[in-house]
Amino acid sequence: MRFRTKDLQEFFKNKINWVKVARELTEKAFETIYEDGYLEVDILPNRFSDAGNIYGLAKEISLITGNKIKEEKFKIKEINKKFSDFIKIS
C-alpha cells in the first residue's frame, strides 16, 4: 500500500525522517520503500487489520521510532432530546 508521508506527518508532534523510518520498518515490521514523498509498505495479510490504514501505520511507526502520536481531542455535544422526537413507532 502507498501512504503519503505528508498525511502521516500530521499524526506526529516531531518532524519525521522518512528515510530512517522506511529502513526501520523494513528491519522490524514490513518491507518498505520511501520514494517521492510516499511510503510503499508491503503489509502481510495477518497484519492488514491493524496496520492497513493510515492511523494503524502511524501507530506502528510510533512504536518503532519512539515518536509520540498527537492526542486527538474530540468535542462531544450532548443534546437533550428523546428518541421519540425522532422516531415514531405505531
N, C-alpha and C. Protein backbone atom coordinates (compact mmCIF):
# COMPACT_ATOMS: atom_id res chain seq x y z
N MET A 1 0.84 -1.17 0.00
CA MET A 1 0.00 0.00 0.00
C MET A 1 0.89 1.23 0.00
N ARG A 2 0.38 2.29 -0.59
CA ARG A 2 1.11 3.57 -0.61
C ARG A 2 0.48 4.53 0.38
N PHE A 3 1.33 5.13 1.19
CA PHE A 3 0.89 6.13 2.16
C PHE A 3 1.67 7.41 1.90
N ARG A 4 0.97 8.52 1.82
CA ARG A 4 1.62 9.81 1.62
C ARG A 4 2.20 10.28 2.95
N THR A 5 3.49 10.60 2.94
CA THR A 5 4.17 10.98 4.19
C THR A 5 3.63 12.30 4.74
N LYS A 6 3.13 13.15 3.89
CA LYS A 6 2.54 14.41 4.35
C LYS A 6 1.34 14.13 5.25
N ASP A 7 0.54 13.14 4.89
CA ASP A 7 -0.61 12.77 5.72
C ASP A 7 -0.17 12.08 7.01
N LEU A 8 0.83 11.23 6.92
CA LEU A 8 1.33 10.55 8.12
C LEU A 8 1.95 11.53 9.11
N GLN A 9 2.63 12.55 8.60
CA GLN A 9 3.30 13.53 9.46
C GLN A 9 2.32 14.25 10.37
N GLU A 10 1.08 14.40 9.95
CA GLU A 10 0.07 15.10 10.75
C GLU A 10 -0.24 14.39 12.06
N PHE A 11 0.09 13.10 12.17
CA PHE A 11 -0.17 12.35 13.40
C PHE A 11 0.91 12.55 14.45
N PHE A 12 2.06 13.12 14.07
CA PHE A 12 3.21 13.20 14.97
C PHE A 12 3.50 14.63 15.40
N LYS A 13 4.03 14.75 16.61
CA LYS A 13 4.42 16.05 17.15
C LYS A 13 5.72 16.53 16.53
N ASN A 14 6.69 15.63 16.35
CA ASN A 14 8.02 15.98 15.86
C ASN A 14 8.16 15.67 14.38
N LYS A 15 9.11 16.32 13.75
CA LYS A 15 9.43 16.08 12.35
C LYS A 15 10.01 14.67 12.21
N ILE A 16 9.59 13.96 11.18
CA ILE A 16 10.00 12.58 10.97
C ILE A 16 11.00 12.49 9.83
N ASN A 17 12.04 11.70 10.00
CA ASN A 17 13.00 11.38 8.94
C ASN A 17 12.47 10.12 8.25
N TRP A 18 11.86 10.29 7.09
CA TRP A 18 11.16 9.19 6.42
C TRP A 18 12.10 8.13 5.87
N VAL A 19 13.31 8.51 5.51
CA VAL A 19 14.29 7.52 5.04
C VAL A 19 14.62 6.56 6.18
N LYS A 20 14.83 7.12 7.36
CA LYS A 20 15.13 6.31 8.54
C LYS A 20 13.93 5.45 8.92
N VAL A 21 12.73 6.01 8.85
CA VAL A 21 11.51 5.25 9.17
C VAL A 21 11.35 4.07 8.22
N ALA A 22 11.58 4.30 6.93
CA ALA A 22 11.46 3.22 5.94
C ALA A 22 12.46 2.11 6.25
N ARG A 23 13.68 2.48 6.62
CA ARG A 23 14.70 1.48 6.95
C ARG A 23 14.31 0.69 8.20
N GLU A 24 13.82 1.39 9.23
CA GLU A 24 13.44 0.72 10.47
C GLU A 24 12.20 -0.15 10.30
N LEU A 25 11.24 0.31 9.51
CA LEU A 25 10.07 -0.52 9.23
C LEU A 25 10.46 -1.79 8.51
N THR A 26 11.38 -1.67 7.56
CA THR A 26 11.85 -2.84 6.83
C THR A 26 12.55 -3.82 7.76
N GLU A 27 13.34 -3.32 8.68
CA GLU A 27 14.07 -4.18 9.60
C GLU A 27 13.17 -4.85 10.63
N LYS A 28 12.10 -4.17 11.05
CA LYS A 28 11.32 -4.65 12.20
C LYS A 28 9.90 -5.09 11.90
N ALA A 29 9.30 -4.66 10.78
CA ALA A 29 7.89 -4.97 10.60
C ALA A 29 7.52 -5.32 9.15
N PHE A 30 7.67 -4.37 8.24
CA PHE A 30 7.20 -4.53 6.87
C PHE A 30 8.28 -4.11 5.88
N GLU A 31 8.27 -4.74 4.71
CA GLU A 31 9.15 -4.25 3.66
C GLU A 31 8.62 -2.90 3.22
N THR A 32 9.49 -1.89 3.24
CA THR A 32 9.07 -0.52 2.98
C THR A 32 10.06 0.19 2.08
N ILE A 33 9.53 0.96 1.15
CA ILE A 33 10.34 1.79 0.26
C ILE A 33 9.84 3.22 0.39
N TYR A 34 10.78 4.16 0.58
CA TYR A 34 10.42 5.58 0.60
C TYR A 34 10.85 6.19 -0.72
N GLU A 35 9.88 6.82 -1.40
CA GLU A 35 10.17 7.40 -2.71
C GLU A 35 9.19 8.53 -3.00
N ASP A 36 9.72 9.70 -3.34
CA ASP A 36 8.92 10.85 -3.78
C ASP A 36 7.79 11.21 -2.82
N GLY A 37 8.05 11.19 -1.53
CA GLY A 37 7.05 11.61 -0.55
C GLY A 37 6.02 10.55 -0.22
N TYR A 38 6.28 9.31 -0.62
CA TYR A 38 5.36 8.21 -0.33
C TYR A 38 6.11 7.06 0.30
N LEU A 39 5.44 6.36 1.20
CA LEU A 39 5.95 5.10 1.72
C LEU A 39 5.18 3.99 1.03
N GLU A 40 5.91 3.11 0.38
CA GLU A 40 5.31 1.92 -0.22
C GLU A 40 5.53 0.79 0.78
N VAL A 41 4.46 0.32 1.40
CA VAL A 41 4.56 -0.63 2.50
C VAL A 41 3.91 -1.94 2.09
N ASP A 42 4.65 -3.03 2.20
CA ASP A 42 4.13 -4.36 1.90
C ASP A 42 3.61 -4.96 3.21
N ILE A 43 2.30 -4.86 3.41
CA ILE A 43 1.68 -5.32 4.65
C ILE A 43 1.17 -6.74 4.45
N LEU A 44 1.59 -7.62 5.32
CA LEU A 44 1.17 -9.01 5.24
C LEU A 44 -0.31 -9.15 5.61
N PRO A 45 -0.98 -10.18 5.08
CA PRO A 45 -2.42 -10.34 5.36
C PRO A 45 -2.78 -10.42 6.83
N ASN A 46 -1.93 -11.04 7.65
CA ASN A 46 -2.26 -11.15 9.07
C ASN A 46 -2.09 -9.83 9.82
N ARG A 47 -1.45 -8.82 9.23
CA ARG A 47 -1.29 -7.52 9.86
C ARG A 47 -2.15 -6.45 9.21
N PHE A 48 -2.91 -6.82 8.18
CA PHE A 48 -3.68 -5.82 7.46
C PHE A 48 -4.77 -5.19 8.32
N SER A 49 -5.34 -5.95 9.23
CA SER A 49 -6.43 -5.40 10.06
C SER A 49 -5.95 -4.30 10.99
N ASP A 50 -4.72 -4.36 11.47
CA ASP A 50 -4.25 -3.33 12.40
C ASP A 50 -3.33 -2.30 11.76
N ALA A 51 -2.71 -2.59 10.62
CA ALA A 51 -1.77 -1.65 10.02
C ALA A 51 -2.13 -1.29 8.58
N GLY A 52 -3.29 -1.69 8.12
CA GLY A 52 -3.69 -1.44 6.74
C GLY A 52 -4.36 -0.11 6.52
N ASN A 53 -4.30 0.77 7.48
CA ASN A 53 -4.86 2.11 7.32
C ASN A 53 -3.85 3.13 7.84
N ILE A 54 -4.10 4.38 7.59
CA ILE A 54 -3.11 5.42 7.91
C ILE A 54 -2.88 5.55 9.41
N TYR A 55 -3.92 5.43 10.21
CA TYR A 55 -3.75 5.54 11.66
C TYR A 55 -3.00 4.32 12.21
N GLY A 56 -3.31 3.15 11.70
CA GLY A 56 -2.62 1.94 12.13
C GLY A 56 -1.14 1.99 11.80
N LEU A 57 -0.79 2.48 10.61
CA LEU A 57 0.61 2.60 10.24
C LEU A 57 1.30 3.67 11.10
N ALA A 58 0.60 4.75 11.40
CA ALA A 58 1.16 5.79 12.28
C ALA A 58 1.47 5.21 13.67
N LYS A 59 0.59 4.36 14.19
CA LYS A 59 0.84 3.74 15.49
C LYS A 59 2.05 2.81 15.41
N GLU A 60 2.18 2.09 14.31
CA GLU A 60 3.33 1.20 14.13
C GLU A 60 4.64 2.00 14.07
N ILE A 61 4.62 3.11 13.33
CA ILE A 61 5.79 3.98 13.25
C ILE A 61 6.12 4.56 14.62
N SER A 62 5.11 4.93 15.37
CA SER A 62 5.30 5.47 16.70
C SER A 62 5.99 4.46 17.61
N LEU A 63 5.56 3.22 17.56
CA LEU A 63 6.16 2.18 18.40
C LEU A 63 7.61 1.90 18.01
N ILE A 64 7.88 1.87 16.72
CA ILE A 64 9.23 1.54 16.24
C ILE A 64 10.21 2.68 16.48
N THR A 65 9.78 3.92 16.23
CA THR A 65 10.70 5.06 16.31
C THR A 65 10.70 5.75 17.66
N GLY A 66 9.67 5.57 18.45
CA GLY A 66 9.58 6.25 19.74
C GLY A 66 8.98 7.64 19.66
N ASN A 67 8.55 8.07 18.47
CA ASN A 67 7.88 9.37 18.33
C ASN A 67 6.44 9.25 18.80
N LYS A 68 6.02 10.21 19.59
CA LYS A 68 4.67 10.19 20.14
C LYS A 68 3.65 10.65 19.11
N ILE A 69 2.47 10.04 19.16
CA ILE A 69 1.36 10.46 18.31
C ILE A 69 0.61 11.56 19.04
N LYS A 70 0.17 12.57 18.29
CA LYS A 70 -0.64 13.64 18.88
C LYS A 70 -1.94 13.06 19.41
N GLU A 71 -2.37 13.59 20.52
CA GLU A 71 -3.66 13.16 21.07
C GLU A 71 -4.78 13.85 20.31
N GLU A 72 -5.73 13.06 19.90
CA GLU A 72 -6.90 13.62 19.22
C GLU A 72 -7.90 14.06 20.28
N LYS A 73 -8.37 15.26 20.15
CA LYS A 73 -9.36 15.77 21.09
C LYS A 73 -10.67 15.94 20.34
N PHE A 74 -11.69 15.31 20.87
CA PHE A 74 -13.00 15.38 20.25
C PHE A 74 -13.93 16.16 21.16
N LYS A 75 -14.73 16.98 20.56
CA LYS A 75 -15.75 17.69 21.31
C LYS A 75 -17.08 16.99 21.05
N ILE A 76 -17.68 16.55 22.12
CA ILE A 76 -18.96 15.86 22.01
C ILE A 76 -20.04 16.78 22.55
N LYS A 77 -21.01 17.03 21.73
CA LYS A 77 -22.11 17.88 22.12
C LYS A 77 -23.31 17.00 22.43
N GLU A 78 -23.75 17.07 23.66
CA GLU A 78 -24.90 16.28 24.05
C GLU A 78 -26.17 17.07 23.79
N ILE A 79 -27.20 16.36 23.38
CA ILE A 79 -28.48 17.01 23.15
C ILE A 79 -29.49 16.47 24.16
N ASN A 80 -30.45 17.27 24.48
CA ASN A 80 -31.48 16.90 25.46
C ASN A 80 -32.78 16.56 24.76
N LYS A 81 -32.71 15.67 23.80
CA LYS A 81 -33.92 15.24 23.10
C LYS A 81 -34.11 13.75 23.32
N LYS A 82 -35.36 13.35 23.23
CA LYS A 82 -35.69 11.94 23.40
C LYS A 82 -35.75 11.27 22.03
N PHE A 83 -35.63 9.95 22.06
CA PHE A 83 -35.74 9.21 20.80
C PHE A 83 -37.12 9.40 20.17
N SER A 84 -38.10 9.60 21.01
CA SER A 84 -39.46 9.77 20.48
C SER A 84 -39.60 11.06 19.67
N ASP A 85 -38.67 11.98 19.82
CA ASP A 85 -38.68 13.19 18.99
C ASP A 85 -38.27 12.88 17.55
N PHE A 86 -37.56 11.78 17.35
CA PHE A 86 -37.05 11.43 16.03
C PHE A 86 -37.77 10.24 15.41
N ILE A 87 -38.24 9.32 16.25
CA ILE A 87 -38.81 8.08 15.76
C ILE A 87 -40.22 7.89 16.34
N LYS A 88 -41.12 7.46 15.49
CA LYS A 88 -42.47 7.16 15.96
C LYS A 88 -42.80 5.73 15.55
N ILE A 89 -43.14 4.93 16.55
CA ILE A 89 -43.49 3.52 16.31
C ILE A 89 -44.97 3.36 16.52
N SER A 90 -45.57 2.75 15.53
CA SER A 90 -47.04 2.51 15.67
C SER A 90 -47.38 1.06 15.51
